[in-house]
């Protein structure tokens, strides 16, 4: 357990930051899930619209430190490839 004042404060800061990051990650996953559901339904227009909405959210997660930039780029690339393959 944390003993010094500084380490106790760090524990409190980490807890609050973890909650914020968890909410951000959940929000981004929701956007990604909407894209995948649109792809599964076969609606290319809805899927591309959902991807356009998801891209800035993913990149915002990168700037906030929730995701690594290569992870976000990989997810966007794979989703766009799946939409493109829908024909």
Protein backbone atom coordinates (compact mmCIF):
# COMPACT_ATOMS: atom_id res chain seq x y z
CA UNK A 1 0.00 0.00 0.00
CA UNK A 2 1.09 3.57 -0.65
CA UNK A 3 2.70 5.15 2.40
CA UNK A 4 3.99 8.59 1.49
CA UNK A 5 1.71 11.53 0.77
CA UNK A 6 2.97 11.72 -2.80
CA UNK A 7 2.32 8.06 -3.51
CA UNK A 8 -1.19 8.30 -2.01
CA UNK A 9 -1.91 11.27 -4.25
CA UNK A 10 -0.58 9.37 -7.27
CA UNK A 11 -2.94 6.49 -6.45
CA UNK A 12 -5.88 8.90 -6.42
CA UNK A 13 -4.79 10.46 -9.71
CA UNK A 14 -4.35 7.06 -11.36
CA UNK A 15 -7.84 5.98 -10.27
CA UNK A 16 -9.50 9.05 -11.76
CA UNK A 17 -7.44 8.86 -14.96
CA UNK A 18 -8.24 5.15 -15.31
CA UNK A 19 -11.97 5.92 -15.11
CA UNK A 20 -11.66 8.62 -17.80
CA UNK A 21 -9.61 6.38 -20.09
CA UNK A 22 -12.07 3.53 -19.59
CA UNK A 23 -14.95 5.76 -20.67
CA UNK A 24 -13.02 6.98 -23.72
CA UNK A 25 -12.07 3.44 -24.74
CA UNK A 26 -15.69 2.32 -24.37
CA UNK A 27 -16.91 5.23 -26.50
CA UNK A 28 -14.42 4.41 -29.26
CA UNK A 29 -15.36 0.73 -29.18
CA UNK A 30 -19.02 1.73 -29.60
CA UNK A 31 -18.16 3.69 -32.75
CA UNK A 32 -16.18 0.73 -34.11
CA UNK A 33 -19.04 -1.65 -33.29
CA UNK A 34 -21.47 0.55 -35.25
CA UNK A 35 -19.20 0.30 -38.30
CA UNK A 36 -18.96 -3.48 -37.96
CA UNK A 37 -22.74 -3.81 -37.58
CA UNK A 38 -23.26 -1.74 -40.73
CA UNK A 39 -20.78 -3.95 -42.58
CA UNK A 40 -22.57 -7.07 -41.34
CA UNK A 41 -25.94 -5.72 -42.50
CA UNK A 42 -24.49 -5.16 -45.96
CA UNK A 43 -25.31 -1.44 -46.14
CA UNK A 44 -22.23 0.16 -47.72
CA UNK A 45 -23.48 3.75 -47.36
CA UNK A 46 -24.25 3.32 -43.67
CA UNK A 47 -20.92 1.58 -43.11
CA UNK A 48 -18.93 4.35 -44.77
CA UNK A 49 -20.89 6.99 -42.84
CA UNK A 50 -20.21 5.15 -39.60
CA UNK A 51 -16.52 4.91 -40.48
CA UNK A 52 -16.37 8.65 -41.16
CA UNK A 53 -17.84 9.19 -37.69
CA UNK A 54 -15.47 6.68 -36.08
CA UNK A 55 -12.22 8.00 -37.59
CA UNK A 56 -12.02 11.26 -35.62
CA UNK A 57 -12.98 9.43 -32.43
CA UNK A 58 -10.16 6.94 -32.93
CA UNK A 59 -7.65 9.68 -33.63
CA UNK A 60 -8.87 11.64 -30.62
CA UNK A 61 -8.16 8.51 -28.58
CA UNK A 62 -4.63 8.56 -29.96
CA UNK A 63 -4.04 12.17 -28.96
CA UNK A 64 -5.45 11.46 -25.49
CA UNK A 65 -3.13 8.49 -25.07
CA UNK A 66 -5.82 5.81 -24.98
CA UNK A 67 -4.59 4.04 -28.12
CA UNK A 68 -1.27 3.86 -29.91
CA UNK A 69 -1.36 5.63 -33.27
CA UNK A 70 -0.45 2.48 -35.18
CA UNK A 71 -3.32 0.62 -33.51
CA UNK A 72 -5.81 3.28 -34.57
CA UNK A 73 -4.37 3.38 -38.10
CA UNK A 74 -4.60 -0.41 -38.33
CA UNK A 75 -8.23 -0.45 -37.19
CA UNK A 76 -9.21 2.29 -39.65
CA UNK A 77 -7.35 0.57 -42.47
CA UNK A 78 -8.96 -2.81 -41.85
CA UNK A 79 -12.44 -1.36 -41.53
CA UNK A 80 -12.08 0.69 -44.71
CA UNK A 81 -10.75 -2.36 -46.56
CA UNK A 82 -13.80 -4.36 -45.46
CA UNK A 83 -16.12 -1.57 -46.62
CA UNK A 84 -14.30 -1.33 -49.95
CA UNK A 85 -14.60 -5.09 -50.43
CA UNK A 86 -18.39 -4.87 -50.07
CA UNK A 87 -18.54 -3.79 -53.72
